[in-house]
């Protein structure tokens, strides 16, 4: 499943389960919660990683790095978008990503 991603100030890669603002979380998010061992393809490389669902202040801090709270996706729903850190994936060093460090 192709996804956009962000990189936090410590170099951790994360994704947001927005599903374009749909009222329910995407299926892949439920799969991650059931089995957090994932394979992440980034460019030409592949990494074994652990998906960690963030919560509270950490979730809010990461989400603010990719959204100011006014996106159309957020306006479409009352759902809080989960933010998932992909532990074990190095931050990319090439252009074409959302690096918010």
N, C-alpha and C. Protein backbone atom coordinates (compact mmCIF):
# COMPACT_ATOMS: atom_id res chain seq x y z
N UNK A 1 0.85 -1.17 0.00
CA UNK A 1 0.00 0.00 0.00
C UNK A 1 0.90 1.24 0.00
N UNK A 2 0.93 2.01 -1.06
CA UNK A 2 1.74 3.23 -1.08
C UNK A 2 1.20 4.28 -0.11
N UNK A 3 2.08 4.83 0.68
CA UNK A 3 1.69 5.86 1.65
C UNK A 3 2.71 6.98 1.64
N UNK A 4 2.24 8.18 1.95
CA UNK A 4 3.15 9.27 2.24
C UNK A 4 3.66 9.08 3.66
N UNK A 5 4.71 9.76 4.00
CA UNK A 5 5.28 9.60 5.34
C UNK A 5 5.92 10.89 5.79
N UNK A 6 6.17 10.95 7.07
CA UNK A 6 6.90 12.06 7.65
C UNK A 6 8.11 11.53 8.38
N UNK A 7 9.03 12.43 8.68
CA UNK A 7 10.22 12.10 9.46
C UNK A 7 10.29 13.10 10.60
N UNK A 8 10.37 12.60 11.83
CA UNK A 8 10.39 13.53 12.96
C UNK A 8 11.79 14.07 13.22
N UNK A 9 11.92 14.88 14.25
CA UNK A 9 13.20 15.55 14.53
C UNK A 9 14.28 14.61 15.03
N UNK A 10 13.93 13.36 15.30
CA UNK A 10 14.94 12.38 15.70
C UNK A 10 15.23 11.37 14.58
N UNK A 11 14.62 11.57 13.41
CA UNK A 11 14.88 10.69 12.27
C UNK A 11 13.94 9.49 12.18
N UNK A 12 12.89 9.47 13.00
CA UNK A 12 11.94 8.35 12.92
C UNK A 12 10.94 8.58 11.80
N UNK A 13 10.71 7.54 11.02
CA UNK A 13 9.73 7.59 9.95
C UNK A 13 8.35 7.27 10.52
N UNK A 14 7.32 8.01 10.08
CA UNK A 14 5.96 7.72 10.54
C UNK A 14 4.95 7.93 9.43
N UNK A 15 3.80 7.27 9.58
CA UNK A 15 2.70 7.40 8.63
C UNK A 15 1.44 7.77 9.41
N UNK A 16 0.48 8.33 8.70
CA UNK A 16 -0.79 8.73 9.29
C UNK A 16 -1.91 7.93 8.63
N UNK A 17 -2.77 7.34 9.43
CA UNK A 17 -3.88 6.53 8.92
C UNK A 17 -5.10 7.43 8.69
N UNK A 18 -5.03 8.26 7.65
CA UNK A 18 -6.10 9.24 7.42
C UNK A 18 -7.26 8.68 6.60
N UNK A 19 -7.00 7.80 5.66
CA UNK A 19 -8.00 7.25 4.74
C UNK A 19 -8.85 8.37 4.14
N UNK A 20 -8.20 9.44 3.75
CA UNK A 20 -8.84 10.59 3.09
C UNK A 20 -10.00 11.16 3.90
N UNK A 21 -9.94 10.99 5.22
CA UNK A 21 -10.99 11.56 6.06
C UNK A 21 -12.23 10.70 6.17
N UNK A 22 -12.15 9.44 5.76
CA UNK A 22 -13.30 8.53 5.88
C UNK A 22 -13.66 8.35 7.36
N UNK A 23 -14.89 7.96 7.64
CA UNK A 23 -15.31 7.84 9.04
C UNK A 23 -14.65 6.68 9.81
N UNK A 24 -14.05 5.73 9.08
CA UNK A 24 -13.41 4.60 9.75
C UNK A 24 -11.93 4.55 9.38
N UNK A 25 -11.15 3.91 10.26
CA UNK A 25 -9.72 3.75 9.99
C UNK A 25 -9.51 2.84 8.79
N UNK A 26 -8.40 3.00 8.07
CA UNK A 26 -8.11 2.12 6.94
C UNK A 26 -7.84 0.69 7.41
N UNK A 27 -8.12 -0.26 6.55
CA UNK A 27 -7.92 -1.68 6.89
C UNK A 27 -6.48 -1.96 7.28
N UNK A 28 -5.52 -1.32 6.59
CA UNK A 28 -4.12 -1.60 6.90
C UNK A 28 -3.77 -1.23 8.34
N UNK A 29 -4.44 -0.22 8.89
CA UNK A 29 -4.19 0.17 10.28
C UNK A 29 -4.60 -0.95 11.23
N UNK A 30 -5.76 -1.54 10.99
CA UNK A 30 -6.22 -2.66 11.83
C UNK A 30 -5.25 -3.84 11.71
N UNK A 31 -4.73 -4.07 10.50
CA UNK A 31 -3.76 -5.15 10.30
C UNK A 31 -2.48 -4.88 11.09
N UNK A 32 -2.03 -3.63 11.12
CA UNK A 32 -0.82 -3.28 11.89
C UNK A 32 -1.02 -3.52 13.38
N UNK A 33 -2.19 -3.19 13.87
CA UNK A 33 -2.46 -3.40 15.29
C UNK A 33 -2.48 -4.88 15.62
N UNK A 34 -2.97 -5.71 14.71
CA UNK A 34 -3.01 -7.15 14.95
C UNK A 34 -1.62 -7.77 14.81
N UNK A 35 -0.81 -7.24 13.90
CA UNK A 35 0.54 -7.77 13.67
C UNK A 35 1.47 -6.61 13.32
N UNK A 36 2.17 -6.06 14.32
CA UNK A 36 2.99 -4.88 14.07
C UNK A 36 4.31 -5.15 13.34
N UNK A 37 4.63 -6.39 13.05
CA UNK A 37 5.84 -6.69 12.26
C UNK A 37 5.51 -6.42 10.80
N UNK A 38 6.24 -5.46 10.20
CA UNK A 38 5.94 -5.04 8.83
C UNK A 38 7.20 -5.01 7.98
N UNK A 39 7.01 -5.04 6.69
CA UNK A 39 8.08 -4.81 5.73
C UNK A 39 7.77 -3.49 5.04
N UNK A 40 8.73 -2.58 5.07
CA UNK A 40 8.55 -1.26 4.49
C UNK A 40 9.46 -1.14 3.29
N UNK A 41 8.88 -0.79 2.15
CA UNK A 41 9.66 -0.53 0.95
C UNK A 41 9.80 0.98 0.80
N UNK A 42 11.03 1.43 0.71
CA UNK A 42 11.32 2.85 0.60
C UNK A 42 12.35 3.02 -0.49
N UNK A 43 11.93 3.59 -1.61
CA UNK A 43 12.83 3.66 -2.76
C UNK A 43 13.12 2.25 -3.24
N UNK A 44 14.39 1.95 -3.43
CA UNK A 44 14.79 0.62 -3.88
C UNK A 44 15.11 -0.32 -2.73
N UNK A 45 14.92 0.12 -1.50
CA UNK A 45 15.29 -0.68 -0.33
C UNK A 45 14.06 -1.21 0.38
N UNK A 46 14.27 -2.28 1.13
CA UNK A 46 13.20 -2.91 1.91
C UNK A 46 13.72 -3.11 3.33
N UNK A 47 12.87 -2.82 4.32
CA UNK A 47 13.27 -2.89 5.72
C UNK A 47 12.23 -3.65 6.54
N UNK A 48 12.72 -4.49 7.43
CA UNK A 48 11.84 -5.11 8.42
C UNK A 48 11.68 -4.10 9.54
N UNK A 49 10.45 -3.86 9.97
CA UNK A 49 10.20 -2.82 10.95
C UNK A 49 9.10 -3.25 11.91
N UNK A 50 8.94 -2.46 12.95
CA UNK A 50 7.85 -2.64 13.89
C UNK A 50 7.00 -1.39 13.87
N UNK A 51 5.70 -1.57 13.65
CA UNK A 51 4.76 -0.46 13.63
C UNK A 51 4.31 -0.17 15.06
N UNK A 52 4.54 1.06 15.51
CA UNK A 52 4.18 1.46 16.87
C UNK A 52 3.15 2.58 16.78
N UNK A 53 1.94 2.30 17.26
CA UNK A 53 0.88 3.30 17.25
C UNK A 53 1.15 4.28 18.39
N UNK A 54 1.25 5.55 18.06
CA UNK A 54 1.54 6.56 19.06
C UNK A 54 0.24 7.01 19.74
N UNK A 55 0.39 7.70 20.86
CA UNK A 55 -0.78 8.18 21.60
C UNK A 55 -0.44 9.48 22.30
N UNK A 56 -1.48 10.19 22.71
CA UNK A 56 -1.31 11.38 23.54
C UNK A 56 -0.45 12.45 22.92
N UNK A 57 0.43 13.02 23.75
CA UNK A 57 1.28 14.12 23.31
C UNK A 57 2.19 13.74 22.15
N UNK A 58 2.70 12.50 22.16
CA UNK A 58 3.59 12.09 21.06
C UNK A 58 2.82 12.06 19.74
N UNK A 59 1.63 11.48 19.76
CA UNK A 59 0.80 11.44 18.55
C UNK A 59 0.53 12.86 18.06
N UNK A 60 0.12 13.73 18.97
CA UNK A 60 -0.22 15.10 18.60
C UNK A 60 0.98 15.85 18.03
N UNK A 61 2.15 15.67 18.63
CA UNK A 61 3.36 16.34 18.16
C UNK A 61 3.72 15.89 16.75
N UNK A 62 3.69 14.58 16.51
CA UNK A 62 4.01 14.07 15.18
C UNK A 62 2.99 14.54 14.15
N UNK A 63 1.73 14.48 14.51
CA UNK A 63 0.69 14.88 13.56
C UNK A 63 0.83 16.35 13.18
N UNK A 64 1.16 17.19 14.13
CA UNK A 64 1.33 18.62 13.84
C UNK A 64 2.47 18.89 12.86
N UNK A 65 3.42 17.97 12.74
CA UNK A 65 4.51 18.19 11.79
C UNK A 65 4.05 18.00 10.34
N UNK A 66 2.91 17.33 10.13
CA UNK A 66 2.42 17.10 8.76
C UNK A 66 1.07 17.76 8.49
N UNK A 67 0.45 18.34 9.52
CA UNK A 67 -0.85 18.98 9.32
C UNK A 67 -1.05 20.14 10.29
N UNK A 68 -1.68 21.18 9.79
CA UNK A 68 -2.01 22.30 10.67
C UNK A 68 -3.43 22.20 11.22
N UNK A 69 -4.10 21.07 10.94
CA UNK A 69 -5.44 20.85 11.47
C UNK A 69 -6.56 21.36 10.59
N UNK A 70 -6.22 21.88 9.41
CA UNK A 70 -7.26 22.45 8.55
C UNK A 70 -7.42 21.70 7.23
N UNK A 71 -6.83 20.53 7.09
CA UNK A 71 -6.92 19.81 5.81
C UNK A 71 -8.36 19.35 5.55
N UNK A 72 -8.65 19.17 4.27
CA UNK A 72 -9.98 18.67 3.88
C UNK A 72 -10.24 17.31 4.51
N UNK A 73 -9.20 16.48 4.62
CA UNK A 73 -9.38 15.17 5.25
C UNK A 73 -9.91 15.33 6.66
N UNK A 74 -9.32 16.23 7.42
CA UNK A 74 -9.74 16.43 8.81
C UNK A 74 -11.13 17.04 8.90
N UNK A 75 -11.50 17.83 7.92
CA UNK A 75 -12.82 18.45 7.92
C UNK A 75 -13.92 17.44 7.58
N UNK A 76 -13.53 16.31 6.96
CA UNK A 76 -14.50 15.28 6.55
C UNK A 76 -14.94 14.37 7.68
N UNK A 77 -14.28 14.41 8.83
CA UNK A 77 -14.55 13.41 9.86
C UNK A 77 -14.29 13.97 11.25
N UNK A 78 -14.85 13.30 12.24
CA UNK A 78 -14.54 13.62 13.64
C UNK A 78 -13.51 12.64 14.19
N UNK A 79 -13.11 11.68 13.37
CA UNK A 79 -12.15 10.65 13.77
C UNK A 79 -10.78 11.26 13.99
N UNK A 80 -10.07 10.79 15.01
CA UNK A 80 -8.68 11.17 15.25
C UNK A 80 -7.81 10.24 14.40
N UNK A 81 -6.98 10.81 13.55
CA UNK A 81 -6.13 10.00 12.68
C UNK A 81 -4.98 9.39 13.47
N UNK A 82 -4.85 8.07 13.45
CA UNK A 82 -3.72 7.44 14.12
C UNK A 82 -2.39 7.80 13.43
N UNK A 83 -1.35 7.92 14.24
CA UNK A 83 0.00 8.16 13.74
C UNK A 83 0.85 6.97 14.16
N UNK A 84 1.52 6.36 13.19
CA UNK A 84 2.25 5.12 13.43
C UNK A 84 3.72 5.34 13.10
N UNK A 85 4.59 5.10 14.09
CA UNK A 85 6.03 5.16 13.88
C UNK A 85 6.48 3.80 13.35
N UNK A 86 7.36 3.82 12.35
CA UNK A 86 7.89 2.59 11.77
C UNK A 86 9.32 2.40 12.28
N UNK A 87 9.43 1.73 13.42
CA UNK A 87 10.75 1.53 14.04
C UNK A 87 11.57 0.56 13.22
N UNK A 88 12.80 0.95 12.92
CA UNK A 88 13.70 0.11 12.16
C UNK A 88 13.89 0.57 10.73
N UNK A 89 13.20 1.66 10.35
CA UNK A 89 13.36 2.22 9.01
C UNK A 89 14.19 3.49 9.11
N UNK A 90 15.34 3.52 8.46
CA UNK A 90 16.17 4.73 8.53
C UNK A 90 15.54 5.87 7.76
N UNK A 91 15.77 7.08 8.22
CA UNK A 91 15.27 8.26 7.51
C UNK A 91 15.92 8.32 6.14
N UNK A 92 15.14 8.62 5.11
CA UNK A 92 15.71 8.69 3.76
C UNK A 92 16.64 9.89 3.62
N UNK A 93 17.55 9.77 2.69
CA UNK A 93 18.50 10.86 2.44
C UNK A 93 18.31 11.44 1.05
N UNK A 94 17.23 11.03 0.37
CA UNK A 94 16.97 11.52 -0.97
C UNK A 94 15.75 12.42 -0.99
N UNK A 95 15.64 13.31 -1.97
CA UNK A 95 14.46 14.18 -2.06
C UNK A 95 13.20 13.37 -2.34
N UNK A 96 12.05 14.01 -2.14
CA UNK A 96 10.79 13.37 -2.47
C UNK A 96 10.04 12.84 -1.28
N UNK A 97 10.40 13.28 -0.10
CA UNK A 97 9.69 12.85 1.09
C UNK A 97 9.40 14.05 1.96
N UNK A 98 8.61 13.82 2.98
CA UNK A 98 8.24 14.88 3.92
C UNK A 98 9.15 14.81 5.14
N UNK A 99 10.28 15.44 5.07
CA UNK A 99 11.22 15.46 6.19
C UNK A 99 10.98 16.72 7.00
N UNK A 100 10.49 16.57 8.24
CA UNK A 100 10.12 17.72 9.06
C UNK A 100 11.08 17.93 10.22
N UNK A 101 12.35 17.59 10.00
CA UNK A 101 13.33 17.81 11.06
C UNK A 101 13.77 19.22 11.09
